[in-house]
Amino acid sequence: MPNNNTSPTHKDISKPPHSTAGNHLEVQHDTQPKYVSAQDISANTALIRAPKANGSQALIWYGLSVFVIILDQWTKWLAEHTLSFHQPVPVIEPVLSWTLAYNYGAAFSWLANQSGWQKWFFAGLALVMSIFLMVYLVRAPRTAKLLNLGLALILGGAVGNLIDRVRLGHVVDFIHVHYADVWHYPIFNIADIAICVGVFFVIIDMLFLENKRSI
């Protein structure tokens, strides 16, 4: 007779119910911890902390540059049509006059007495600088308002004087700051003012604001 008192201990309990050798391999999971390098952590942290770039919002700053160009060209047109060459018109005595002058060189008339090659040399520099500023404005941090303002002013001033060099072969100046006839600052224009103020803003951003954006 068959033995009905088979003990449960005689059963094969080495495998869990409904398991096979095949699906035993399928349910295995990789429990080994993954190694993350310090470089990966630093890179991810930098991506999280990196300020968002201007991108399409650079068009706003381009608009400011265009305003500077229009203002610069308009005031130069007025100067050429209302002033006589090197004939000062007092505005605030004895410190400010309108005096029409032409600059064939760079700042402070540097290389102005050359044979004409300086026209294309300075025009080329201005063109390269303008392209660089346009690209940089797209990539500059969106929150860096003072930096963007400075870059836009420099771009507008550079293009304003570039137009003069290409169209006329010289830069039109008319703002004359002096003290009576004792001291005279080199005559300048709106584009020069925009460039100087823009450079000042960029320097202030570099010295006091740039590090705070990277913290």
N, C-alpha and C. Protein backbone atom coordinates (compact mmCIF):
# COMPACT_ATOMS: atom_id res chain seq x y z
N MET A 1 0.84 -1.19 0.00
CA MET A 1 0.00 0.00 0.00
C MET A 1 0.87 1.23 0.00
N PRO A 2 0.34 2.25 -0.65
CA PRO A 2 1.16 3.48 -0.65
C PRO A 2 1.21 4.08 0.72
N ASN A 3 2.32 4.68 1.02
CA ASN A 3 2.52 5.29 2.33
C ASN A 3 1.92 6.68 2.32
N ASN A 4 0.79 6.90 3.07
CA ASN A 4 0.14 8.19 3.12
C ASN A 4 0.69 9.09 4.21
N ASN A 5 1.66 8.61 4.96
CA ASN A 5 2.21 9.41 6.05
C ASN A 5 3.53 10.05 5.67
N THR A 6 3.58 10.43 4.41
CA THR A 6 4.84 11.05 3.95
C THR A 6 5.05 12.35 4.69
N SER A 7 6.20 12.53 5.28
CA SER A 7 6.50 13.74 6.06
C SER A 7 6.78 14.90 5.13
N PRO A 8 6.31 16.07 5.51
CA PRO A 8 6.60 17.27 4.67
C PRO A 8 8.08 17.51 4.52
N THR A 9 8.86 16.95 5.41
CA THR A 9 10.28 17.17 5.31
C THR A 9 10.88 16.44 4.14
N HIS A 10 10.11 15.48 3.60
CA HIS A 10 10.62 14.74 2.45
C HIS A 10 10.42 15.49 1.14
N LYS A 11 9.65 16.59 1.19
CA LYS A 11 9.40 17.34 -0.03
C LYS A 11 10.62 18.18 -0.40
N ASP A 12 10.71 18.45 -1.70
CA ASP A 12 11.83 19.28 -2.19
C ASP A 12 11.49 20.74 -1.94
N ILE A 13 12.10 21.33 -0.94
CA ILE A 13 11.82 22.74 -0.61
C ILE A 13 13.00 23.62 -0.98
N SER A 14 13.91 23.11 -1.84
CA SER A 14 15.08 23.90 -2.23
C SER A 14 14.73 25.01 -3.20
N LYS A 15 13.55 24.90 -3.84
CA LYS A 15 13.11 25.93 -4.77
C LYS A 15 11.81 26.52 -4.30
N PRO A 16 11.61 27.82 -4.46
CA PRO A 16 10.32 28.41 -4.09
C PRO A 16 9.26 27.96 -5.07
N PRO A 17 7.98 27.92 -4.63
CA PRO A 17 6.90 27.51 -5.53
C PRO A 17 6.90 28.35 -6.80
N HIS A 18 6.54 27.69 -7.92
CA HIS A 18 6.39 28.34 -9.21
C HIS A 18 7.69 28.98 -9.68
N SER A 19 8.84 28.45 -9.32
CA SER A 19 10.10 29.01 -9.78
C SER A 19 10.83 27.97 -10.57
N THR A 20 11.60 28.41 -11.54
CA THR A 20 12.43 27.54 -12.34
C THR A 20 13.82 28.11 -12.36
N ALA A 21 14.73 27.32 -12.86
CA ALA A 21 16.11 27.80 -12.94
C ALA A 21 16.21 28.97 -13.90
N GLY A 22 15.33 28.94 -14.95
CA GLY A 22 15.39 30.03 -15.93
C GLY A 22 14.93 31.34 -15.36
N ASN A 23 13.70 31.33 -14.77
CA ASN A 23 13.23 32.62 -14.27
C ASN A 23 13.93 33.03 -12.99
N HIS A 24 14.66 32.11 -12.37
CA HIS A 24 15.47 32.48 -11.21
C HIS A 24 16.57 33.47 -11.63
N LEU A 25 17.09 33.28 -12.85
CA LEU A 25 18.11 34.20 -13.35
C LEU A 25 17.50 35.53 -13.74
N GLU A 26 16.24 35.51 -14.20
CA GLU A 26 15.60 36.74 -14.68
C GLU A 26 15.25 37.69 -13.55
N VAL A 27 15.00 37.17 -12.36
CA VAL A 27 14.58 38.05 -11.28
C VAL A 27 15.74 38.60 -10.48
N GLN A 28 16.95 38.26 -10.89
CA GLN A 28 18.11 38.79 -10.17
C GLN A 28 18.26 40.27 -10.48
N HIS A 29 18.61 41.03 -9.52
CA HIS A 29 18.79 42.48 -9.68
C HIS A 29 20.21 42.86 -9.31
N ASP A 30 20.65 43.91 -10.00
CA ASP A 30 22.00 44.41 -9.71
C ASP A 30 21.94 45.26 -8.45
N THR A 31 22.44 44.74 -7.40
CA THR A 31 22.41 45.45 -6.12
C THR A 31 23.72 46.12 -5.78
N GLN A 32 24.67 46.09 -6.74
CA GLN A 32 25.96 46.71 -6.49
C GLN A 32 25.83 48.23 -6.59
N PRO A 33 26.31 49.01 -5.64
CA PRO A 33 26.22 50.48 -5.72
C PRO A 33 27.09 51.01 -6.85
N LYS A 34 26.55 52.02 -7.53
CA LYS A 34 27.29 52.64 -8.63
C LYS A 34 28.23 53.71 -8.09
N TYR A 35 29.41 53.74 -8.65
CA TYR A 35 30.42 54.72 -8.21
C TYR A 35 30.23 56.03 -8.96
N VAL A 36 30.11 57.12 -8.25
CA VAL A 36 29.97 58.45 -8.84
C VAL A 36 31.22 59.23 -8.51
N SER A 37 31.89 59.69 -9.53
CA SER A 37 33.15 60.40 -9.32
C SER A 37 32.89 61.82 -8.85
N ALA A 38 33.92 62.40 -8.27
CA ALA A 38 33.83 63.79 -7.83
C ALA A 38 33.67 64.73 -9.00
N GLN A 39 34.25 64.35 -10.16
CA GLN A 39 34.11 65.19 -11.35
C GLN A 39 32.67 65.25 -11.82
N ASP A 40 31.95 64.09 -11.75
CA ASP A 40 30.55 64.07 -12.14
C ASP A 40 29.71 64.95 -11.22
N ILE A 41 30.00 64.87 -9.91
CA ILE A 41 29.26 65.69 -8.95
C ILE A 41 29.51 67.17 -9.22
N SER A 42 30.76 67.53 -9.47
CA SER A 42 31.10 68.92 -9.73
C SER A 42 30.43 69.42 -10.99
N ALA A 43 30.42 68.58 -12.04
CA ALA A 43 29.81 68.97 -13.30
C ALA A 43 28.30 69.19 -13.14
N ASN A 44 27.64 68.26 -12.42
CA ASN A 44 26.21 68.41 -12.21
C ASN A 44 25.89 69.63 -11.36
N THR A 45 26.71 69.88 -10.35
CA THR A 45 26.51 71.05 -9.50
C THR A 45 26.69 72.33 -10.30
N ALA A 46 27.68 72.35 -11.19
CA ALA A 46 27.92 73.54 -12.01
C ALA A 46 26.75 73.79 -12.94
N LEU A 47 26.16 72.70 -13.47
CA LEU A 47 25.02 72.87 -14.36
C LEU A 47 23.82 73.44 -13.61
N ILE A 48 23.65 72.99 -12.36
CA ILE A 48 22.53 73.48 -11.58
C ILE A 48 22.71 74.95 -11.21
N ARG A 49 23.94 75.32 -10.86
CA ARG A 49 24.21 76.68 -10.40
C ARG A 49 24.44 77.67 -11.53
N ALA A 50 24.72 77.20 -12.74
CA ALA A 50 25.04 78.10 -13.84
C ALA A 50 23.86 79.01 -14.15
N PRO A 51 24.06 80.33 -14.20
CA PRO A 51 22.96 81.24 -14.51
C PRO A 51 22.47 81.01 -15.94
N LYS A 52 21.21 81.24 -16.14
CA LYS A 52 20.61 81.07 -17.45
C LYS A 52 21.07 82.17 -18.39
N ALA A 53 21.42 81.81 -19.62
CA ALA A 53 21.94 82.77 -20.59
C ALA A 53 20.81 83.61 -21.17
N ASN A 54 21.16 84.73 -21.77
CA ASN A 54 20.18 85.63 -22.36
C ASN A 54 19.36 84.95 -23.45
N GLY A 55 20.07 84.25 -24.36
CA GLY A 55 19.36 83.62 -25.46
C GLY A 55 18.64 84.66 -26.31
N SER A 56 17.36 84.41 -26.56
CA SER A 56 16.58 85.33 -27.40
C SER A 56 16.35 86.68 -26.73
N GLN A 57 16.51 86.75 -25.41
CA GLN A 57 16.34 88.03 -24.72
C GLN A 57 17.47 89.01 -25.03
N ALA A 58 18.51 88.53 -25.70
CA ALA A 58 19.56 89.44 -26.14
C ALA A 58 19.02 90.50 -27.10
N LEU A 59 17.86 90.23 -27.73
CA LEU A 59 17.26 91.21 -28.64
C LEU A 59 16.93 92.51 -27.91
N ILE A 60 16.60 92.40 -26.63
CA ILE A 60 16.32 93.61 -25.85
C ILE A 60 17.57 94.49 -25.78
N TRP A 61 18.71 93.87 -25.52
CA TRP A 61 19.96 94.62 -25.43
C TRP A 61 20.41 95.09 -26.80
N TYR A 62 20.13 94.31 -27.84
CA TYR A 62 20.40 94.79 -29.20
C TYR A 62 19.60 96.06 -29.49
N GLY A 63 18.38 96.10 -28.97
CA GLY A 63 17.56 97.29 -29.16
C GLY A 63 18.19 98.53 -28.55
N LEU A 64 18.80 98.37 -27.37
CA LEU A 64 19.50 99.49 -26.75
C LEU A 64 20.68 99.92 -27.60
N SER A 65 21.41 98.96 -28.16
CA SER A 65 22.54 99.28 -29.03
C SER A 65 22.07 100.07 -30.26
N VAL A 66 20.95 99.65 -30.84
CA VAL A 66 20.41 100.36 -31.99
C VAL A 66 20.03 101.79 -31.63
N PHE A 67 19.46 101.99 -30.43
CA PHE A 67 19.13 103.34 -29.97
C PHE A 67 20.38 104.21 -29.87
N VAL A 68 21.46 103.65 -29.33
CA VAL A 68 22.72 104.39 -29.23
C VAL A 68 23.23 104.76 -30.62
N ILE A 69 23.15 103.84 -31.56
CA ILE A 69 23.62 104.10 -32.93
C ILE A 69 22.82 105.23 -33.56
N ILE A 70 21.48 105.18 -33.42
CA ILE A 70 20.63 106.21 -34.02
C ILE A 70 20.92 107.57 -33.39
N LEU A 71 21.02 107.61 -32.05
CA LEU A 71 21.30 108.87 -31.37
C LEU A 71 22.66 109.41 -31.78
N ASP A 72 23.65 108.54 -31.89
CA ASP A 72 24.99 108.96 -32.28
C ASP A 72 25.00 109.53 -33.70
N GLN A 73 24.40 108.83 -34.63
CA GLN A 73 24.41 109.28 -36.02
C GLN A 73 23.59 110.56 -36.20
N TRP A 74 22.50 110.68 -35.46
CA TRP A 74 21.67 111.89 -35.57
C TRP A 74 22.41 113.12 -35.05
N THR A 75 23.08 112.99 -33.90
CA THR A 75 23.81 114.14 -33.34
C THR A 75 25.00 114.51 -34.23
N LYS A 76 25.62 113.53 -34.84
CA LYS A 76 26.72 113.83 -35.77
C LYS A 76 26.21 114.56 -37.01
N TRP A 77 25.05 114.15 -37.48
CA TRP A 77 24.44 114.83 -38.63
C TRP A 77 24.13 116.28 -38.28
N LEU A 78 23.56 116.51 -37.08
CA LEU A 78 23.29 117.87 -36.65
C LEU A 78 24.57 118.69 -36.56
N ALA A 79 25.61 118.09 -36.01
CA ALA A 79 26.87 118.81 -35.85
C ALA A 79 27.42 119.23 -37.22
N GLU A 80 27.38 118.35 -38.19
CA GLU A 80 27.94 118.66 -39.50
C GLU A 80 27.10 119.70 -40.25
N HIS A 81 25.83 119.78 -39.94
CA HIS A 81 24.95 120.71 -40.67
C HIS A 81 24.72 122.03 -39.93
N THR A 82 25.18 122.13 -38.70
CA THR A 82 24.96 123.37 -37.95
C THR A 82 26.25 124.01 -37.46
N LEU A 83 27.34 123.29 -37.48
CA LEU A 83 28.60 123.82 -36.96
C LEU A 83 29.61 124.00 -38.08
N SER A 84 30.50 124.96 -37.88
CA SER A 84 31.62 125.16 -38.80
C SER A 84 32.84 124.45 -38.24
N PHE A 85 33.64 123.92 -39.14
CA PHE A 85 34.79 123.12 -38.73
C PHE A 85 35.73 123.92 -37.83
N HIS A 86 36.01 123.37 -36.64
CA HIS A 86 36.92 123.95 -35.66
C HIS A 86 36.51 125.34 -35.20
N GLN A 87 35.24 125.67 -35.27
CA GLN A 87 34.72 126.94 -34.77
C GLN A 87 33.84 126.65 -33.55
N PRO A 88 34.37 126.83 -32.33
CA PRO A 88 33.61 126.47 -31.13
C PRO A 88 32.36 127.32 -30.92
N VAL A 89 31.32 126.66 -30.44
CA VAL A 89 30.09 127.34 -30.06
C VAL A 89 29.89 127.11 -28.57
N PRO A 90 30.03 128.14 -27.73
CA PRO A 90 29.93 127.95 -26.29
C PRO A 90 28.56 127.42 -25.87
N VAL A 91 28.59 126.47 -24.94
CA VAL A 91 27.36 125.91 -24.39
C VAL A 91 27.30 126.21 -22.89
N ILE A 92 28.31 125.84 -22.16
CA ILE A 92 28.43 126.17 -20.73
C ILE A 92 29.83 126.74 -20.54
N GLU A 93 29.90 128.01 -20.43
CA GLU A 93 31.20 128.66 -20.26
C GLU A 93 31.71 128.45 -18.84
N PRO A 94 33.01 128.22 -18.66
CA PRO A 94 34.04 128.06 -19.69
C PRO A 94 34.44 126.60 -19.89
N VAL A 95 33.47 125.64 -19.74
CA VAL A 95 33.86 124.22 -19.69
C VAL A 95 33.33 123.38 -20.85
N LEU A 96 32.32 123.83 -21.56
CA LEU A 96 31.72 122.99 -22.60
C LEU A 96 31.38 123.81 -23.83
N SER A 97 31.79 123.28 -24.99
CA SER A 97 31.48 123.91 -26.27
C SER A 97 31.17 122.82 -27.29
N TRP A 98 30.42 123.22 -28.33
CA TRP A 98 30.27 122.35 -29.51
C TRP A 98 31.33 122.76 -30.51
N THR A 99 32.19 121.82 -30.88
CA THR A 99 33.26 122.11 -31.83
C THR A 99 33.37 120.94 -32.81
N LEU A 100 33.08 121.20 -34.07
CA LEU A 100 33.14 120.15 -35.09
C LEU A 100 34.59 119.80 -35.40
N ALA A 101 34.89 118.50 -35.33
CA ALA A 101 36.24 118.03 -35.63
C ALA A 101 36.15 116.63 -36.23
N TYR A 102 37.19 116.26 -36.98
CA TYR A 102 37.26 114.94 -37.60
C TYR A 102 38.47 114.19 -37.06
N ASN A 103 38.24 112.95 -36.67
CA ASN A 103 39.32 112.11 -36.14
C ASN A 103 39.60 110.99 -37.14
N TYR A 104 40.80 111.00 -37.72
CA TYR A 104 41.17 109.98 -38.70
C TYR A 104 41.88 108.80 -38.04
N GLY A 105 42.08 108.88 -36.72
CA GLY A 105 42.74 107.80 -36.01
C GLY A 105 41.83 107.16 -35.00
N ALA A 106 42.40 106.72 -33.89
CA ALA A 106 41.62 106.10 -32.83
C ALA A 106 41.45 107.11 -31.71
N ALA A 107 41.32 106.62 -30.48
CA ALA A 107 41.16 107.51 -29.34
C ALA A 107 42.36 108.45 -29.21
N PHE A 108 42.06 109.71 -28.87
CA PHE A 108 43.08 110.74 -28.72
C PHE A 108 43.88 110.92 -30.03
N SER A 109 43.20 110.65 -31.18
CA SER A 109 43.79 110.85 -32.51
C SER A 109 45.02 109.98 -32.76
N TRP A 110 45.07 108.83 -32.12
CA TRP A 110 46.20 107.92 -32.32
C TRP A 110 46.24 107.43 -33.76
N LEU A 111 47.40 107.52 -34.41
CA LEU A 111 47.63 107.13 -35.81
C LEU A 111 46.83 107.97 -36.80
N ALA A 112 46.40 109.14 -36.38
CA ALA A 112 45.59 109.98 -37.27
C ALA A 112 46.38 110.50 -38.46
N ASN A 113 47.70 110.62 -38.35
CA ASN A 113 48.53 111.21 -39.41
C ASN A 113 49.08 110.20 -40.41
N GLN A 114 48.57 108.96 -40.36
CA GLN A 114 49.04 107.94 -41.30
C GLN A 114 48.44 108.16 -42.69
N SER A 115 48.85 107.33 -43.63
CA SER A 115 48.50 107.55 -45.04
C SER A 115 47.08 107.13 -45.42
N GLY A 116 46.35 106.49 -44.53
CA GLY A 116 44.98 106.07 -44.83
C GLY A 116 44.70 104.62 -44.50
N TRP A 117 45.74 103.83 -44.31
CA TRP A 117 45.53 102.42 -43.98
C TRP A 117 44.85 102.25 -42.63
N GLN A 118 45.02 103.27 -41.75
CA GLN A 118 44.45 103.16 -40.41
C GLN A 118 42.93 103.12 -40.45
N LYS A 119 42.34 103.68 -41.53
CA LYS A 119 40.88 103.64 -41.66
C LYS A 119 40.37 102.21 -41.65
N TRP A 120 40.97 101.37 -42.48
CA TRP A 120 40.51 99.98 -42.58
C TRP A 120 40.99 99.15 -41.40
N PHE A 121 42.11 99.53 -40.83
CA PHE A 121 42.61 98.81 -39.65
C PHE A 121 41.64 98.98 -38.48
N PHE A 122 41.25 100.22 -38.19
CA PHE A 122 40.35 100.47 -37.08
C PHE A 122 38.93 100.00 -37.41
N ALA A 123 38.55 100.09 -38.67
CA ALA A 123 37.23 99.58 -39.05
C ALA A 123 37.16 98.07 -38.86
N GLY A 124 38.24 97.37 -39.21
CA GLY A 124 38.28 95.93 -39.01
C GLY A 124 38.21 95.55 -37.54
N LEU A 125 38.96 96.28 -36.71
CA LEU A 125 38.91 96.01 -35.27
C LEU A 125 37.51 96.23 -34.71
N ALA A 126 36.87 97.31 -35.16
CA ALA A 126 35.52 97.61 -34.68
C ALA A 126 34.53 96.54 -35.13
N LEU A 127 34.70 96.03 -36.35
CA LEU A 127 33.80 94.99 -36.85
C LEU A 127 33.97 93.70 -36.05
N VAL A 128 35.21 93.29 -35.82
CA VAL A 128 35.46 92.07 -35.03
C VAL A 128 34.91 92.22 -33.62
N MET A 129 35.13 93.37 -33.01
CA MET A 129 34.63 93.61 -31.66
C MET A 129 33.10 93.58 -31.63
N SER A 130 32.48 94.15 -32.65
CA SER A 130 31.01 94.18 -32.68
C SER A 130 30.44 92.77 -32.80
N ILE A 131 31.03 91.94 -33.63
CA ILE A 131 30.56 90.56 -33.78
C ILE A 131 30.74 89.80 -32.47
N PHE A 132 31.89 89.99 -31.83
CA PHE A 132 32.15 89.33 -30.55
C PHE A 132 31.11 89.74 -29.52
N LEU A 133 30.79 91.03 -29.45
CA LEU A 133 29.83 91.51 -28.46
C LEU A 133 28.43 90.98 -28.73
N MET A 134 28.06 90.88 -30.00
CA MET A 134 26.74 90.34 -30.33
C MET A 134 26.61 88.89 -29.89
N VAL A 135 27.65 88.11 -30.11
CA VAL A 135 27.63 86.70 -29.70
C VAL A 135 27.66 86.60 -28.17
N TYR A 136 28.47 87.43 -27.54
CA TYR A 136 28.61 87.36 -26.08
C TYR A 136 27.32 87.77 -25.38
N LEU A 137 26.59 88.70 -25.97
CA LEU A 137 25.32 89.11 -25.36
C LEU A 137 24.31 87.97 -25.33
N VAL A 138 24.36 87.09 -26.31
CA VAL A 138 23.47 85.93 -26.33
C VAL A 138 23.84 84.97 -25.20
N ARG A 139 25.13 84.81 -24.93
CA ARG A 139 25.60 83.84 -23.96
C ARG A 139 25.75 84.41 -22.55
N ALA A 140 25.67 85.71 -22.40
CA ALA A 140 25.86 86.34 -21.09
C ALA A 140 24.72 85.95 -20.15
N PRO A 141 24.97 85.90 -18.83
CA PRO A 141 23.92 85.55 -17.88
C PRO A 141 22.75 86.52 -17.94
N ARG A 142 21.54 85.97 -17.93
CA ARG A 142 20.35 86.81 -18.03
C ARG A 142 20.20 87.72 -16.81
N THR A 143 20.68 87.27 -15.66
CA THR A 143 20.54 88.07 -14.44
C THR A 143 21.60 89.15 -14.31
N ALA A 144 22.61 89.13 -15.17
CA ALA A 144 23.69 90.12 -15.08
C ALA A 144 23.28 91.39 -15.82
N LYS A 145 22.38 92.13 -15.23
CA LYS A 145 21.82 93.31 -15.90
C LYS A 145 22.88 94.37 -16.18
N LEU A 146 23.73 94.63 -15.20
CA LEU A 146 24.75 95.68 -15.39
C LEU A 146 25.74 95.28 -16.48
N LEU A 147 26.13 94.01 -16.51
CA LEU A 147 27.03 93.52 -17.55
C LEU A 147 26.39 93.65 -18.92
N ASN A 148 25.14 93.23 -19.05
CA ASN A 148 24.45 93.32 -20.33
C ASN A 148 24.28 94.76 -20.78
N LEU A 149 24.00 95.64 -19.83
CA LEU A 149 23.88 97.06 -20.15
C LEU A 149 25.19 97.60 -20.69
N GLY A 150 26.30 97.26 -20.01
CA GLY A 150 27.60 97.72 -20.46
C GLY A 150 27.95 97.20 -21.85
N LEU A 151 27.71 95.92 -22.09
CA LEU A 151 28.01 95.32 -23.40
C LEU A 151 27.18 95.97 -24.50
N ALA A 152 25.92 96.24 -24.22
CA ALA A 152 25.06 96.87 -25.22
C ALA A 152 25.52 98.28 -25.56
N LEU A 153 25.96 99.03 -24.56
CA LEU A 153 26.46 100.39 -24.80
C LEU A 153 27.75 100.36 -25.62
N ILE A 154 28.64 99.44 -25.28
CA ILE A 154 29.89 99.32 -26.04
C ILE A 154 29.60 98.94 -27.49
N LEU A 155 28.68 98.00 -27.68
CA LEU A 155 28.32 97.57 -29.04
C LEU A 155 27.76 98.73 -29.85
N GLY A 156 26.84 99.50 -29.25
CA GLY A 156 26.26 100.64 -29.96
C GLY A 156 27.30 101.69 -30.32
N GLY A 157 28.20 101.99 -29.38
CA GLY A 157 29.25 102.97 -29.65
C GLY A 157 30.22 102.51 -30.71
N ALA A 158 30.60 101.23 -30.66
CA ALA A 158 31.55 100.69 -31.64
C ALA A 158 30.96 100.73 -33.05
N VAL A 159 29.69 100.36 -33.19
CA VAL A 159 29.05 100.38 -34.51
C VAL A 159 28.86 101.81 -34.99
N GLY A 160 28.54 102.73 -34.06
CA GLY A 160 28.37 104.13 -34.45
C GLY A 160 29.62 104.71 -35.08
N ASN A 161 30.76 104.48 -34.46
CA ASN A 161 32.02 104.98 -35.02
C ASN A 161 32.45 104.18 -36.24
N LEU A 162 32.08 102.90 -36.29
CA LEU A 162 32.40 102.08 -37.46
C LEU A 162 31.69 102.62 -38.70
N ILE A 163 30.45 103.03 -38.55
CA ILE A 163 29.70 103.61 -39.68
C ILE A 163 30.43 104.83 -40.22
N ASP A 164 30.93 105.68 -39.33
CA ASP A 164 31.67 106.87 -39.76
C ASP A 164 32.91 106.50 -40.56
N ARG A 165 33.66 105.54 -40.06
CA ARG A 165 34.93 105.18 -40.72
C ARG A 165 34.68 104.62 -42.12
N VAL A 166 33.66 103.78 -42.24
CA VAL A 166 33.38 103.18 -43.54
C VAL A 166 32.76 104.20 -44.49
N ARG A 167 31.85 105.03 -43.99
CA ARG A 167 31.12 105.98 -44.85
C ARG A 167 31.93 107.23 -45.17
N LEU A 168 32.68 107.74 -44.19
CA LEU A 168 33.37 109.02 -44.36
C LEU A 168 34.89 108.91 -44.37
N GLY A 169 35.42 107.84 -43.81
CA GLY A 169 36.87 107.70 -43.69
C GLY A 169 37.42 108.34 -42.43
N HIS A 170 36.53 108.92 -41.61
CA HIS A 170 36.93 109.51 -40.34
C HIS A 170 35.73 109.49 -39.40
N VAL A 171 36.00 109.78 -38.12
CA VAL A 171 34.94 109.83 -37.12
C VAL A 171 34.59 111.29 -36.85
N VAL A 172 33.30 111.59 -36.81
CA VAL A 172 32.83 112.95 -36.54
C VAL A 172 32.75 113.17 -35.03
N ASP A 173 33.45 114.19 -34.54
CA ASP A 173 33.42 114.56 -33.12
C ASP A 173 32.91 115.99 -32.99
N PHE A 174 32.29 116.29 -31.84
CA PHE A 174 31.76 117.65 -31.68
C PHE A 174 31.63 118.10 -30.22
N ILE A 175 31.81 117.21 -29.25
CA ILE A 175 31.67 117.58 -27.84
C ILE A 175 33.05 117.97 -27.31
N HIS A 176 33.17 119.22 -26.90
CA HIS A 176 34.47 119.78 -26.51
C HIS A 176 34.42 120.20 -25.05
N VAL A 177 35.08 119.44 -24.19
CA VAL A 177 35.18 119.76 -22.76
C VAL A 177 36.54 120.41 -22.51
N HIS A 178 36.55 121.53 -21.83
CA HIS A 178 37.79 122.29 -21.64
C HIS A 178 37.63 123.22 -20.45
N TYR A 179 38.71 123.85 -20.10
CA TYR A 179 38.65 124.92 -19.12
C TYR A 179 39.27 126.16 -19.76
N ALA A 180 38.36 127.05 -20.18
CA ALA A 180 38.79 128.26 -20.90
C ALA A 180 39.73 127.85 -22.03
N ASP A 181 40.85 128.52 -22.15
CA ASP A 181 41.86 128.14 -23.14
C ASP A 181 43.09 127.52 -22.49
N VAL A 182 42.94 127.13 -21.23
CA VAL A 182 44.07 126.58 -20.49
C VAL A 182 44.21 125.08 -20.68
N TRP A 183 43.08 124.38 -20.63
CA TRP A 183 43.10 122.91 -20.71
C TRP A 183 42.01 122.44 -21.64
N HIS A 184 42.33 121.48 -22.52
CA HIS A 184 41.38 120.96 -23.49
C HIS A 184 41.40 119.43 -23.47
N TYR A 185 40.23 118.84 -23.30
CA TYR A 185 40.11 117.39 -23.44
C TYR A 185 39.84 117.08 -24.91
N PRO A 186 40.37 115.97 -25.43
CA PRO A 186 40.12 115.64 -26.84
C PRO A 186 38.62 115.62 -27.17
N ILE A 187 38.26 116.21 -28.30
CA ILE A 187 36.86 116.30 -28.70
C ILE A 187 36.32 114.89 -28.97
N PHE A 188 35.07 114.65 -28.54
CA PHE A 188 34.51 113.30 -28.66
C PHE A 188 33.06 113.37 -29.12
N ASN A 189 32.36 112.24 -29.08
CA ASN A 189 30.98 112.17 -29.56
C ASN A 189 30.15 111.24 -28.68
N ILE A 190 28.90 111.01 -29.06
CA ILE A 190 28.00 110.17 -28.27
C ILE A 190 28.48 108.73 -28.24
N ALA A 191 28.99 108.23 -29.34
CA ALA A 191 29.50 106.86 -29.39
C ALA A 191 30.64 106.67 -28.39
N ASP A 192 31.52 107.66 -28.30
CA ASP A 192 32.62 107.57 -27.34
C ASP A 192 32.11 107.51 -25.90
N ILE A 193 31.08 108.31 -25.62
CA ILE A 193 30.49 108.30 -24.28
C ILE A 193 29.91 106.93 -23.96
N ALA A 194 29.18 106.36 -24.92
CA ALA A 194 28.58 105.04 -24.72
C ALA A 194 29.65 103.98 -24.46
N ILE A 195 30.74 104.03 -25.19
CA ILE A 195 31.82 103.06 -25.00
C ILE A 195 32.44 103.20 -23.62
N CYS A 196 32.74 104.43 -23.21
CA CYS A 196 33.38 104.65 -21.90
C CYS A 196 32.47 104.23 -20.75
N VAL A 197 31.19 104.61 -20.82
CA VAL A 197 30.24 104.22 -19.77
C VAL A 197 30.06 102.71 -19.76
N GLY A 198 29.98 102.09 -20.95
CA GLY A 198 29.83 100.65 -21.04
C GLY A 198 31.01 99.92 -20.43
N VAL A 199 32.22 100.36 -20.72
CA VAL A 199 33.41 99.74 -20.14
C VAL A 199 33.40 99.89 -18.62
N PHE A 200 32.97 101.03 -18.13
CA PHE A 200 32.88 101.25 -16.67
C PHE A 200 31.92 100.25 -16.04
N PHE A 201 30.76 100.03 -16.65
CA PHE A 201 29.78 99.08 -16.12
C PHE A 201 30.33 97.65 -16.13
N VAL A 202 31.03 97.29 -17.20
CA VAL A 202 31.59 95.94 -17.29
C VAL A 202 32.65 95.72 -16.20
N ILE A 203 33.48 96.72 -15.95
CA ILE A 203 34.50 96.62 -14.91
C ILE A 203 33.86 96.48 -13.53
N ILE A 204 32.82 97.27 -13.26
CA ILE A 204 32.12 97.17 -11.98
C ILE A 204 31.54 95.77 -11.80
N ASP A 205 30.96 95.22 -12.86
CA ASP A 205 30.41 93.86 -12.78
C ASP A 205 31.50 92.84 -12.51
N MET A 206 32.64 92.96 -13.18
CA MET A 206 33.73 92.01 -12.99
C MET A 206 34.28 92.07 -11.56
N LEU A 207 34.37 93.26 -11.00
CA LEU A 207 34.99 93.42 -9.70
C LEU A 207 34.06 93.04 -8.54
N PHE A 208 32.75 93.34 -8.66
CA PHE A 208 31.88 93.22 -7.50
C PHE A 208 30.70 92.27 -7.67
N LEU A 209 30.32 91.91 -8.88
CA LEU A 209 29.11 91.13 -9.07
C LEU A 209 29.35 89.74 -9.66
N GLU A 210 30.40 89.56 -10.44
CA GLU A 210 30.61 88.30 -11.14
C GLU A 210 30.77 87.13 -10.17
N ASN A 211 31.55 87.31 -9.11
CA ASN A 211 31.78 86.22 -8.15
C ASN A 211 30.50 85.81 -7.42
N LYS A 212 29.61 86.77 -7.18
CA LYS A 212 28.37 86.46 -6.48
C LYS A 212 27.46 85.58 -7.32
N ARG A 213 27.55 85.68 -8.65
CA ARG A 213 26.71 84.84 -9.51
C ARG A 213 27.18 83.40 -9.51
N SER A 214 28.44 83.14 -9.18
CA SER A 214 28.98 81.78 -9.20
C SER A 214 28.92 81.10 -7.85
N ILE A 215 28.41 81.76 -6.82
CA ILE A 215 28.32 81.16 -5.48
C ILE A 215 27.09 80.27 -5.39
